[in-house]
Amino acid sequence: TASYAQNTRIGAWTSHMPYQQAVQVLNTGKEIYCLTVGGVFVLNIEDSSMQVLSKQDGLSGTNIKTGAYDINSKTVIVAYENTNIDLIRGREIINIDDIFKTEITGIKSINSINCIDGIAYINCGFGVVLLDLNKVEIKDTYYLGENGSNLGIYNIAVFNDKIYAATDSGIFEADYNSVNLANYQNWRKHRNIYNFPVNAYPAVSCVNYNNKLYAFLKDGIYEFDAYNLLL
């Protein structure tokens, strides 16, 4: 008669995390990162080997909310429900806890992350936090609400030298090369050629795809082709 037991050594711990619920999949070219509620699966495309990252391996927590991959700095970004953030670079894990530790009036949450020109735009329930991935430090915070108040941001897109933000108050736009985008007065609510108030509805997303900008609002999908915003 043969019996089998776990391979964990005496006195050691084994993690039992909820890996079944996937949140997001990121392709780095060489590896596939599957973000789950309990941790991260890393699949090596070349040899099909699998690695699991959890708190035991250096992650800051569980309950992963969203993530992103920056091709310039080769950084995988993992954001948690509690607004803590980890940067994964190879075998190194760097914790960014600025949002997590800061007291914020309003909705303290991370909705999504967009990586543009080496900057991670962390779209939050109160505004946008800019993380410089090369310097590994918070660069700025944009509050786009009235008079610089909190405003929920769902994602950011750059199109034709303009930067667009999908917000609870609709689509906002500004000049991407402006020296002071932290000033809410440099942002404006977008309207189409028919002067229809696109900002009348919350915008859940905006995407630059195939030389066009698509805005997803409560009342429909809008397409912007460099000159006109059409329903």
Protein backbone atom coordinates (compact mmCIF):
# COMPACT_ATOMS: atom_id res chain seq x y z
CA THR A 1 0.00 0.00 0.00
CA ALA A 2 1.29 3.44 -0.95
CA SER A 3 0.21 6.82 0.38
CA TYR A 4 0.99 10.32 -0.83
CA ALA A 5 1.29 13.59 1.04
CA GLN A 6 2.01 17.19 0.14
CA ASN A 7 5.55 18.19 -0.87
CA THR A 8 5.69 21.09 1.56
CA ARG A 9 8.52 20.74 4.03
CA ILE A 10 7.81 20.61 7.75
CA GLY A 11 7.33 24.07 9.23
CA ALA A 12 6.69 25.71 5.85
CA TRP A 13 3.51 27.29 4.48
CA THR A 14 1.63 26.54 1.28
CA SER A 15 -0.60 29.20 -0.30
CA HIS A 16 -4.18 28.31 -1.22
CA MET A 17 -5.40 31.33 -3.15
CA PRO A 18 -8.46 31.93 -5.41
CA TYR A 19 -6.66 31.63 -8.74
CA GLN A 20 -9.73 30.57 -10.71
CA GLN A 21 -11.13 34.09 -11.21
CA ALA A 22 -9.06 35.78 -13.94
CA VAL A 23 -9.06 39.57 -14.10
CA GLN A 24 -6.83 40.42 -17.07
CA VAL A 25 -4.32 38.89 -19.51
CA LEU A 26 -1.14 40.76 -20.52
CA ASN A 27 1.19 39.75 -23.37
CA THR A 28 4.80 40.89 -23.01
CA GLY A 29 5.98 39.11 -26.17
CA LYS A 30 7.94 36.45 -24.31
CA GLU A 31 5.50 35.78 -21.50
CA ILE A 32 1.77 35.81 -20.83
CA TYR A 33 0.71 37.26 -17.49
CA CYS A 34 -2.69 36.18 -16.24
CA LEU A 35 -3.83 38.39 -13.38
CA THR A 36 -6.25 36.67 -11.04
CA VAL A 37 -7.94 37.65 -7.81
CA GLY A 38 -5.41 35.67 -5.78
CA GLY A 39 -2.19 36.17 -7.71
CA VAL A 40 -0.46 36.08 -11.09
CA PHE A 41 0.22 33.19 -13.48
CA VAL A 42 3.22 33.69 -15.77
CA LEU A 43 3.39 31.50 -18.88
CA ASN A 44 6.68 31.36 -20.77
CA ILE A 45 5.73 31.28 -24.47
CA GLU A 46 8.98 29.65 -25.58
CA ASP A 47 9.07 26.59 -23.31
CA SER A 48 5.46 26.60 -21.97
CA SER A 49 6.70 26.65 -18.38
CA MET A 50 4.42 28.14 -15.75
CA GLN A 51 5.19 30.25 -12.69
CA VAL A 52 2.78 31.45 -10.03
CA LEU A 53 3.34 34.71 -8.15
CA SER A 54 1.57 35.35 -4.86
CA LYS A 55 2.20 37.16 -1.57
CA GLN A 56 4.69 34.44 -0.74
CA ASP A 57 6.69 35.43 -3.80
CA GLY A 58 6.73 39.15 -3.05
CA LEU A 59 3.40 40.52 -4.27
CA SER A 60 1.96 43.15 -1.94
CA GLY A 61 -1.48 41.62 -1.60
CA THR A 62 -4.44 39.82 -3.12
CA ASN A 63 -7.68 41.00 -4.73
CA ILE A 64 -6.08 42.26 -7.93
CA LYS A 65 -8.28 44.84 -9.68
CA THR A 66 -6.52 45.59 -12.98
CA GLY A 67 -3.13 45.85 -14.66
CA ALA A 68 -1.16 46.94 -17.72
CA TYR A 69 2.12 46.32 -19.55
CA ASP A 70 4.55 49.04 -20.60
CA ILE A 71 6.65 47.90 -23.56
CA ASN A 72 9.23 50.69 -23.17
CA SER A 73 10.28 49.87 -19.62
CA LYS A 74 9.25 46.20 -19.90
CA THR A 75 7.16 46.59 -16.76
CA VAL A 76 4.05 44.67 -15.75
CA ILE A 77 1.83 46.81 -13.52
CA VAL A 78 -0.51 45.17 -11.02
CA ALA A 79 -3.12 47.25 -9.16
CA TYR A 80 -5.12 45.98 -6.20
CA GLU A 81 -8.60 46.73 -4.90
CA ASN A 82 -7.05 48.68 -2.01
CA THR A 83 -5.15 50.91 -4.54
CA ASN A 84 -1.75 49.40 -3.76
CA ILE A 85 0.43 48.85 -6.84
CA ASP A 86 3.23 46.45 -7.75
CA LEU A 87 5.66 46.77 -10.64
CA ILE A 88 7.05 43.47 -11.96
CA ARG A 89 10.31 43.60 -13.91
CA GLY A 90 11.70 40.14 -14.49
CA ARG A 91 12.18 38.69 -11.01
CA GLU A 92 12.05 42.07 -9.28
CA ILE A 93 8.83 43.32 -7.66
CA ILE A 94 8.65 47.02 -6.73
CA ASN A 95 5.84 48.29 -4.54
CA ILE A 96 4.27 51.71 -5.18
CA ASP A 97 2.05 52.54 -2.21
CA ASP A 98 1.58 56.30 -2.63
CA ILE A 99 -2.14 56.14 -3.47
CA PHE A 100 -2.72 53.44 -0.87
CA LYS A 101 -1.19 55.51 1.94
CA THR A 102 -2.65 58.89 0.92
CA GLU A 103 -5.89 60.08 2.49
CA ILE A 104 -8.19 61.07 -0.35
CA THR A 105 -11.62 62.69 -0.25
CA GLY A 106 -13.99 60.90 -2.60
CA ILE A 107 -13.85 57.50 -4.24
CA LYS A 108 -10.44 55.95 -3.63
CA SER A 109 -10.23 53.26 -6.30
CA ILE A 110 -8.28 52.33 -9.44
CA ASN A 111 -10.40 51.78 -12.56
CA SER A 112 -7.73 51.05 -15.19
CA ILE A 113 -4.16 51.83 -16.26
CA ASN A 114 -2.92 53.20 -19.60
CA CYS A 115 0.79 53.25 -20.49
CA ILE A 116 1.78 56.11 -22.82
CA ASP A 117 5.35 57.26 -23.55
CA GLY A 118 6.82 55.68 -20.42
CA ILE A 119 4.11 57.07 -18.14
CA ALA A 120 1.48 54.92 -16.46
CA TYR A 121 -1.80 56.83 -16.29
CA ILE A 122 -3.52 55.32 -13.25
CA ASN A 123 -7.19 56.16 -13.73
CA CYS A 124 -8.88 56.49 -10.36
CA GLY A 125 -12.23 57.31 -8.84
CA PHE A 126 -10.94 60.79 -7.97
CA GLY A 127 -8.68 61.67 -10.94
CA VAL A 128 -5.57 60.48 -12.79
CA VAL A 129 -2.25 59.67 -11.10
CA LEU A 130 0.83 59.72 -13.36
CA LEU A 131 3.57 57.22 -12.55
CA ASP A 132 6.95 57.67 -14.24
CA LEU A 133 8.02 54.10 -14.95
CA ASN A 134 11.66 54.99 -15.66
CA LYS A 135 12.17 56.97 -12.45
CA VAL A 136 9.69 54.77 -10.54
CA GLU A 137 8.00 57.72 -8.91
CA ILE A 138 4.69 59.58 -8.96
CA LYS A 139 5.00 62.43 -11.45
CA ASP A 140 1.68 64.27 -11.10
CA THR A 141 -2.04 64.03 -10.35
CA TYR A 142 -4.84 65.44 -12.50
CA TYR A 143 -8.13 66.51 -10.89
CA LEU A 144 -10.47 67.25 -13.78
CA GLY A 145 -13.68 68.07 -11.91
CA GLU A 146 -15.23 71.52 -11.65
CA ASN A 147 -12.78 73.96 -10.09
CA GLY A 148 -10.21 71.18 -9.81
CA SER A 149 -12.40 68.86 -7.77
CA ASN A 150 -12.43 65.07 -7.82
CA LEU A 151 -13.83 63.38 -10.92
CA GLY A 152 -13.91 59.67 -11.68
CA ILE A 153 -11.67 58.73 -14.64
CA TYR A 154 -12.09 55.41 -16.45
CA ASN A 155 -9.29 55.59 -18.99
CA ILE A 156 -7.00 57.82 -21.06
CA ALA A 157 -6.24 57.85 -24.79
CA VAL A 158 -3.95 59.98 -26.98
CA PHE A 159 -5.08 60.82 -30.53
CA ASN A 160 -3.84 63.48 -32.99
CA ASP A 161 -1.78 65.36 -30.37
CA LYS A 162 -4.78 65.48 -28.05
CA ILE A 163 -5.26 63.60 -24.81
CA TYR A 164 -8.75 62.34 -24.00
CA ALA A 165 -10.20 61.21 -20.69
CA ALA A 166 -13.33 59.11 -20.26
CA THR A 167 -14.96 60.44 -17.10
CA ASP A 168 -18.16 60.39 -15.06
CA SER A 169 -19.03 63.69 -16.77
CA GLY A 170 -18.31 62.61 -20.35
CA ILE A 171 -15.24 63.00 -22.59
CA PHE A 172 -12.62 65.60 -21.68
CA GLU A 173 -9.81 66.65 -24.00
CA ALA A 174 -6.63 68.72 -23.80
CA ASP A 175 -3.47 69.38 -25.81
CA TYR A 176 -1.19 66.41 -25.15
CA ASN A 177 1.96 68.58 -25.26
CA SER A 178 0.61 71.17 -22.84
CA VAL A 179 3.11 72.04 -20.11
CA ASN A 180 0.46 72.08 -17.38
CA LEU A 181 -2.17 69.40 -17.78
CA ALA A 182 -2.52 69.32 -14.01
CA ASN A 183 -4.49 72.57 -14.35
CA TYR A 184 -8.12 71.59 -14.89
CA GLN A 185 -8.66 74.79 -16.91
CA ASN A 186 -6.52 73.33 -19.72
CA TRP A 187 -9.10 70.57 -20.19
CA ARG A 188 -12.45 71.01 -21.95
CA LYS A 189 -15.54 68.91 -22.41
CA HIS A 190 -15.85 67.54 -25.91
CA ARG A 191 -18.69 68.35 -28.31
CA ASN A 192 -19.27 67.05 -31.83
CA ILE A 193 -19.89 69.00 -35.05
CA TYR A 194 -23.63 69.09 -34.33
CA ASN A 195 -22.88 70.71 -30.98
CA PHE A 196 -24.40 67.70 -29.27
CA PRO A 197 -23.22 67.64 -25.67
CA VAL A 198 -21.19 64.45 -25.64
CA ASN A 199 -20.46 65.23 -22.00
CA ALA A 200 -24.14 64.72 -21.16
CA TYR A 201 -23.52 61.08 -20.29
CA PRO A 202 -20.82 59.27 -18.32
CA ALA A 203 -18.10 57.83 -20.57
CA VAL A 204 -16.90 54.36 -19.65
CA SER A 205 -13.99 54.24 -22.11
CA CYS A 206 -12.17 55.88 -25.02
CA VAL A 207 -9.82 53.97 -27.33
CA ASN A 208 -7.38 54.94 -30.09
CA TYR A 209 -7.78 52.23 -32.73
CA ASN A 210 -6.87 52.17 -36.42
CA ASN A 211 -6.36 55.96 -36.62
CA LYS A 212 -9.72 56.68 -35.05
CA LEU A 213 -10.86 57.47 -31.55
CA TYR A 214 -13.83 55.56 -30.18
CA ALA A 215 -15.74 56.84 -27.17
CA PHE A 216 -18.10 54.56 -25.28
CA LEU A 217 -20.91 56.48 -23.58
CA LYS A 218 -24.16 55.49 -21.97
CA ASP A 219 -26.16 56.48 -25.04
CA GLY A 220 -23.94 54.84 -27.66
CA ILE A 221 -20.52 54.56 -29.30
CA TYR A 222 -18.95 57.63 -30.89
CA GLU A 223 -16.28 57.59 -33.61
CA PHE A 224 -13.83 60.47 -34.02
CA ASP A 225 -11.90 60.57 -37.32
CA ALA A 226 -9.55 63.52 -36.68
CA TYR A 227 -12.10 66.13 -37.68
CA ASN A 228 -15.60 65.00 -36.78
CA LEU A 229 -17.12 63.11 -33.90
CA LEU A 230 -19.95 60.97 -35.29
CA LEU A 231 -22.55 58.82 -33.59
